[in-house]
Amino acid sequence: MENPGKTQNKIVETYAGDMAKIIEDDKSGLVKKIIEGEEKHETEKKNLSPESTKNKLFIFGSAALVVVAFSILFFLFLNKDVNTVLVEEQFVPIISSDQSNFIEIDGFGKDKIIQTVMNTISASLIKNRGVGGIYLTENKKIIGLRKFVLLTKSSFSPGDSNLVYDNFLLGFVNNPDKPALTPQGGDFFMLIKVRSLPDVFDPLRAFENKMLFDLHGFFKVDVTPETNYLFTKNFDDGIVENKNARILYDSNNKIILMYIFADDTSVIITSSNEAAHEVMLRLSSSQIKK
């Protein structure tokens, strides 16, 4: 009968031998894996190292960008007064018009400005009740109200530009009874924009005494012995298109000149009810669109 202890020892020896054989057979594969792991680790170390070519380029590139950025900031700091390119303001008409006329008046005197405007109106071809806008320019830039007052030697004093705006419009309406192609055609108007009507009450009342004298050329009123009285005659209160107005009448009760408080921010100077009507329609239309 076989000894049980001996049998157990034989099993242990067989297992140990098998394990040793397995380890011996896998030795080359294990060593290979260890070597590959070490090589991979070394490669990662090289890639992360500041000494690698790739990382050197990255570091040098970053440093160069920082230097350039500081150089630009330093240049801007030292050149605070460097000339900048002004963005030209976009042209936005006060009211819609059927025709826009840009007139270069650089170097023109008052009489030449008036004559050029009148010639433009007479030569215009627009539909009945059509509105033509006239924009006076110097060096291709539209002039504002204050420059217009200066060039035409007007006594009107609009005051603060935050109250009476520099944005204004000269224009004409083609009255069906006065075709624009005839010398009598094209009812002239001037549209002034204000912050609120009370801001312009006093300047306009002060301007009344000189308004016809300053603007008579635009409204085709000649200075003659027969018309002299008009230049000293007072304006009267009136209503035009259900709006308050100040009106200068002649001895036949014909309107020679008037200014109308068209809405809360608009004043129309004209001699024509037709022009006042059409301009107010377009003012209302522009407010609805907004």
Protein backbone atom coordinates (compact mmCIF):
# COMPACT_ATOMS: atom_id res chain seq x y z
CA MET A 1 0.00 0.00 0.00
CA GLU A 2 1.35 3.40 -1.10
CA ASN A 3 2.23 5.93 1.56
CA PRO A 4 -0.20 8.94 1.49
CA GLY A 5 2.49 11.46 2.54
CA LYS A 6 4.70 10.37 -0.30
CA THR A 7 1.88 10.85 -2.78
CA GLN A 8 1.25 14.41 -1.50
CA ASN A 9 4.93 15.29 -1.83
CA LYS A 10 4.91 14.03 -5.39
CA ILE A 11 1.93 16.30 -6.25
CA VAL A 12 3.66 19.34 -4.74
CA GLU A 13 6.89 18.58 -6.58
CA THR A 14 4.98 18.17 -9.84
CA TYR A 15 3.15 21.54 -9.40
CA ALA A 16 6.39 23.35 -8.49
CA GLY A 17 8.07 21.82 -11.50
CA ASP A 18 5.24 22.84 -13.78
CA MET A 19 5.33 26.41 -12.49
CA ALA A 20 9.07 26.63 -12.94
CA LYS A 21 8.70 25.37 -16.48
CA ILE A 22 5.94 27.94 -17.23
CA ILE A 23 8.01 30.78 -15.82
CA GLU A 24 11.04 29.62 -17.77
CA ASP A 25 9.01 29.34 -20.98
CA ASP A 26 7.47 32.86 -20.52
CA LYS A 27 10.75 34.44 -19.47
CA SER A 28 11.51 35.87 -22.87
CA GLY A 29 7.99 37.36 -23.24
CA LEU A 30 8.06 38.93 -19.77
CA VAL A 31 11.44 40.48 -20.36
CA LYS A 32 10.22 41.80 -23.69
CA LYS A 33 7.23 43.46 -22.01
CA ILE A 34 9.46 45.04 -19.38
CA ILE A 35 11.80 46.43 -22.03
CA GLU A 36 8.89 47.79 -24.08
CA GLY A 37 7.45 49.45 -20.98
CA GLU A 38 10.77 51.11 -20.20
CA GLU A 39 11.15 52.32 -23.79
CA LYS A 40 7.65 53.78 -23.74
CA HIS A 41 8.37 55.51 -20.45
CA GLU A 42 11.59 56.99 -21.83
CA THR A 43 9.77 58.24 -24.93
CA GLU A 44 7.13 59.97 -22.79
CA LYS A 45 9.85 61.57 -20.67
CA LYS A 46 11.56 62.90 -23.81
CA ASN A 47 8.27 64.30 -25.17
CA LEU A 48 7.53 66.09 -21.92
CA SER A 49 11.06 67.32 -21.49
CA PRO A 50 11.78 71.04 -22.25
CA GLU A 51 14.87 69.77 -24.07
CA SER A 52 12.81 68.12 -26.84
CA THR A 53 12.86 69.88 -30.23
CA LYS A 54 9.07 70.11 -30.39
CA ASN A 55 8.79 71.67 -26.94
CA LYS A 56 11.68 74.03 -27.60
CA LEU A 57 9.88 75.35 -30.68
CA PHE A 58 6.66 75.75 -28.71
CA ILE A 59 8.43 77.62 -25.90
CA PHE A 60 10.30 79.90 -28.30
CA GLY A 61 7.11 80.60 -30.28
CA SER A 62 5.16 81.49 -27.14
CA ALA A 63 7.94 83.77 -25.93
CA ALA A 64 8.02 85.52 -29.31
CA LEU A 65 4.27 86.16 -29.22
CA VAL A 66 4.54 87.62 -25.71
CA VAL A 67 7.35 89.94 -26.85
CA VAL A 68 5.31 91.08 -29.87
CA ALA A 69 2.24 91.75 -27.70
CA PHE A 70 4.25 93.83 -25.21
CA SER A 71 5.90 95.71 -28.10
CA ILE A 72 2.49 96.67 -29.54
CA LEU A 73 1.20 97.80 -26.15
CA PHE A 74 4.35 99.84 -25.58
CA PHE A 75 4.03 101.45 -29.03
CA LEU A 76 0.39 102.37 -28.43
CA PHE A 77 1.24 103.82 -25.03
CA LEU A 78 3.98 106.04 -26.51
CA ASN A 79 1.76 107.09 -29.44
CA LYS A 80 -1.47 108.07 -27.73
CA ASP A 81 -2.01 110.87 -30.27
CA VAL A 82 -1.59 108.64 -33.32
CA ASN A 83 -4.06 109.60 -36.08
CA THR A 84 -7.06 107.32 -36.34
CA VAL A 85 -9.30 106.77 -39.34
CA LEU A 86 -12.68 108.35 -38.76
CA VAL A 87 -15.65 106.21 -39.74
CA GLU A 88 -17.91 108.23 -41.97
CA GLU A 89 -21.37 108.62 -40.49
CA GLN A 90 -24.08 106.88 -42.37
CA PHE A 91 -26.42 109.26 -44.19
CA VAL A 92 -29.94 109.03 -42.74
CA PRO A 93 -32.58 111.39 -44.21
CA ILE A 94 -35.00 113.09 -41.81
CA ILE A 95 -37.96 112.27 -44.06
CA SER A 96 -38.38 110.15 -47.15
CA SER A 97 -37.88 112.01 -50.41
CA ASP A 98 -38.43 111.25 -54.07
CA GLN A 99 -35.16 112.86 -55.02
CA SER A 100 -31.98 113.79 -53.13
CA ASN A 101 -29.78 116.60 -54.43
CA PHE A 102 -26.26 117.04 -53.05
CA ILE A 103 -24.81 120.48 -53.84
CA GLU A 104 -21.13 121.25 -53.29
CA ILE A 105 -20.90 124.86 -52.03
CA ASP A 106 -17.26 125.04 -50.95
CA GLY A 107 -16.19 128.68 -51.33
CA PHE A 108 -19.70 129.92 -52.17
CA GLY A 109 -21.12 133.15 -50.74
CA LYS A 110 -24.73 133.60 -49.64
CA ASP A 111 -26.05 134.81 -53.01
CA LYS A 112 -24.40 131.96 -54.91
CA ILE A 113 -25.75 129.39 -52.45
CA ILE A 114 -29.30 130.72 -52.91
CA GLN A 115 -28.99 130.85 -56.68
CA THR A 116 -27.61 127.29 -56.85
CA VAL A 117 -30.45 125.98 -54.69
CA MET A 118 -33.05 127.78 -56.85
CA ASN A 119 -31.47 126.40 -60.04
CA THR A 120 -31.58 122.90 -58.59
CA ILE A 121 -35.28 123.25 -57.78
CA SER A 122 -36.13 124.64 -61.21
CA ALA A 123 -34.27 121.84 -63.00
CA SER A 124 -35.80 119.02 -60.96
CA LEU A 125 -38.09 116.45 -62.52
CA ILE A 126 -40.23 114.81 -59.87
CA LYS A 127 -43.85 113.73 -59.69
CA ASN A 128 -46.67 115.97 -58.51
CA ARG A 129 -46.47 116.42 -54.74
CA GLY A 130 -43.09 114.75 -54.84
CA VAL A 131 -40.51 115.88 -52.29
CA GLY A 132 -36.95 116.79 -53.20
CA GLY A 133 -34.28 116.95 -50.52
CA ILE A 134 -31.37 119.40 -50.85
CA TYR A 135 -28.13 118.72 -48.99
CA LEU A 136 -25.40 121.36 -49.05
CA THR A 137 -21.90 119.92 -48.84
CA GLU A 138 -18.34 121.09 -48.30
CA ASN A 139 -15.59 118.68 -49.35
CA LYS A 140 -18.33 116.10 -49.88
CA LYS A 141 -19.50 116.37 -46.26
CA ILE A 142 -23.06 117.51 -45.52
CA ILE A 143 -23.10 120.77 -43.57
CA GLY A 144 -25.26 121.20 -40.48
CA LEU A 145 -27.68 123.92 -39.42
CA ARG A 146 -25.08 126.05 -37.67
CA LYS A 147 -22.75 126.04 -40.66
CA PHE A 148 -25.70 126.95 -42.89
CA VAL A 149 -26.56 129.88 -40.61
CA LEU A 150 -22.94 131.04 -40.77
CA LEU A 151 -22.63 130.74 -44.57
CA THR A 152 -25.93 132.54 -45.23
CA LYS A 153 -25.13 135.24 -42.64
CA SER A 154 -28.40 134.56 -40.88
CA SER A 155 -29.32 136.15 -37.56
CA PHE A 156 -30.98 132.92 -36.37
CA SER A 157 -29.33 131.71 -33.16
CA PRO A 158 -30.18 128.02 -32.64
CA GLY A 159 -28.21 127.82 -29.38
CA ASP A 160 -27.20 124.51 -27.82
CA SER A 161 -26.96 121.66 -30.34
CA ASN A 162 -28.49 119.35 -27.73
CA LEU A 163 -31.67 121.46 -27.86
CA VAL A 164 -31.84 122.51 -31.51
CA TYR A 165 -30.13 119.78 -33.52
CA ASP A 166 -27.59 120.42 -36.26
CA ASN A 167 -29.38 117.90 -38.46
CA PHE A 168 -31.76 119.82 -40.70
CA LEU A 169 -33.20 119.67 -44.22
CA LEU A 170 -33.68 122.04 -47.11
CA GLY A 171 -36.12 120.84 -49.71
CA PHE A 172 -39.03 121.51 -52.02
CA VAL A 173 -42.41 120.03 -52.89
CA ASN A 174 -43.58 119.89 -56.50
CA ASN A 175 -46.90 121.69 -56.29
CA PRO A 176 -49.22 120.48 -59.11
CA ASP A 177 -50.22 124.12 -59.71
CA LYS A 178 -46.57 125.15 -59.93
CA PRO A 179 -44.58 122.64 -62.02
CA ALA A 180 -41.00 122.29 -60.88
CA LEU A 181 -39.74 123.06 -64.40
CA THR A 182 -41.05 126.63 -64.25
CA PRO A 183 -39.42 129.44 -62.25
CA GLN A 184 -42.48 129.48 -60.01
CA GLY A 185 -42.41 125.74 -59.37
CA GLY A 186 -41.13 123.80 -56.41
CA ASP A 187 -42.36 125.14 -53.06
CA PHE A 188 -39.31 125.58 -50.87
CA PHE A 189 -39.21 124.50 -47.21
CA MET A 190 -36.75 124.21 -44.37
CA LEU A 191 -37.16 121.49 -41.73
CA ILE A 192 -35.53 121.93 -38.31
CA LYS A 193 -35.32 119.19 -35.68
CA VAL A 194 -35.37 119.99 -31.95
CA ARG A 195 -35.37 118.12 -28.65
CA SER A 196 -38.75 119.63 -27.77
CA LEU A 197 -40.76 122.58 -29.05
CA PRO A 198 -40.23 124.81 -25.97
CA ASP A 199 -36.49 124.66 -26.71
CA VAL A 200 -37.00 126.56 -29.97
CA PHE A 201 -39.80 128.99 -29.06
CA ASP A 202 -37.55 131.85 -27.96
CA PRO A 203 -34.92 131.51 -30.72
CA LEU A 204 -37.64 131.55 -33.40
CA ARG A 205 -39.53 134.48 -31.89
CA ALA A 206 -36.26 136.42 -31.77
CA PHE A 207 -35.63 135.44 -35.40
CA GLU A 208 -39.02 136.68 -36.65
CA ASN A 209 -37.83 140.27 -37.17
CA LYS A 210 -35.06 139.10 -39.50
CA MET A 211 -36.50 135.85 -40.87
CA LEU A 212 -37.83 137.24 -44.15
CA PHE A 213 -34.76 139.42 -44.68
CA ASP A 214 -32.42 136.44 -44.16
CA LEU A 215 -34.44 133.92 -46.20
CA HIS A 216 -36.27 136.02 -48.84
CA GLY A 217 -34.02 134.72 -51.63
CA PHE A 218 -35.11 131.13 -50.99
CA PHE A 219 -38.79 132.15 -51.08
CA LYS A 220 -38.53 134.40 -54.18
CA VAL A 221 -39.48 137.59 -52.38
CA ASP A 222 -37.69 140.52 -54.00
CA VAL A 223 -36.75 143.61 -52.03
CA THR A 224 -38.66 146.43 -53.73
CA PRO A 225 -40.47 149.58 -52.64
CA GLU A 226 -43.71 147.57 -52.87
CA THR A 227 -42.45 144.79 -50.56
CA ASN A 228 -40.43 146.84 -48.08
CA TYR A 229 -43.25 146.87 -45.53
CA LEU A 230 -43.13 143.05 -45.30
CA PHE A 231 -39.64 143.14 -43.80
CA THR A 232 -40.87 145.03 -40.75
CA LYS A 233 -44.35 143.53 -40.47
CA ASN A 234 -45.16 141.31 -37.48
CA PHE A 235 -46.03 137.62 -37.70
CA ASP A 236 -49.49 136.54 -36.55
CA ASP A 237 -50.63 133.42 -34.73
CA GLY A 238 -52.28 130.88 -36.98
CA ILE A 239 -53.24 127.25 -37.55
CA VAL A 240 -51.87 125.18 -40.43
CA GLU A 241 -52.93 121.54 -40.82
CA ASN A 242 -54.29 121.71 -37.25
CA LYS A 243 -50.85 122.74 -35.98
CA ASN A 244 -49.85 125.98 -34.29
CA ALA A 245 -47.99 128.37 -36.55
CA ARG A 246 -46.68 131.89 -36.81
CA ILE A 247 -47.56 133.49 -40.16
CA LEU A 248 -46.45 136.59 -42.05
CA TYR A 249 -49.23 137.85 -44.36
CA ASP A 250 -49.06 140.55 -47.01
CA SER A 251 -51.65 143.27 -47.38
CA ASN A 252 -53.86 140.90 -49.41
CA ASN A 253 -53.78 138.28 -46.65
CA LYS A 254 -51.53 136.03 -48.74
CA ILE A 255 -48.97 133.94 -46.84
CA ILE A 256 -45.46 135.24 -47.43
CA LEU A 257 -43.64 133.16 -44.83
CA MET A 258 -44.54 130.99 -41.85
CA TYR A 259 -43.09 128.53 -39.40
CA ILE A 260 -45.17 125.62 -38.19
CA PHE A 261 -44.75 123.44 -35.10
CA ALA A 262 -45.37 120.26 -37.07
CA ASP A 263 -44.89 117.78 -34.21
CA ASP A 264 -43.15 117.56 -30.85
CA THR A 265 -39.66 117.72 -32.42
CA SER A 266 -40.11 119.35 -35.84
CA VAL A 267 -40.47 122.90 -37.15
CA ILE A 268 -41.23 123.65 -40.82
CA ILE A 269 -40.39 127.02 -42.35
CA THR A 270 -42.18 127.57 -45.67
CA SER A 271 -44.55 129.83 -47.60
CA SER A 272 -46.76 127.03 -48.94
CA ASN A 273 -49.64 125.18 -47.36
CA GLU A 274 -49.08 122.38 -49.89
CA ALA A 275 -45.44 121.99 -48.85
CA ALA A 276 -46.39 122.00 -45.17
CA HIS A 277 -49.04 119.33 -45.79
CA GLU A 278 -46.70 116.98 -47.68
CA VAL A 279 -43.81 117.35 -45.24
CA MET A 280 -46.07 116.64 -42.26
CA LEU A 281 -47.41 113.54 -43.99
CA ARG A 282 -43.88 112.24 -44.41
CA LEU A 283 -42.94 113.13 -40.86
CA SER A 284 -45.90 111.07 -39.64
CA SER A 285 -44.93 108.22 -41.95
CA SER A 286 -41.36 108.15 -40.65
CA GLN A 287 -42.61 108.04 -37.05
CA ILE A 288 -44.89 105.08 -37.83
CA LYS A 289 -41.98 103.17 -39.43
CA LYS A 290 -39.86 103.67 -36.30
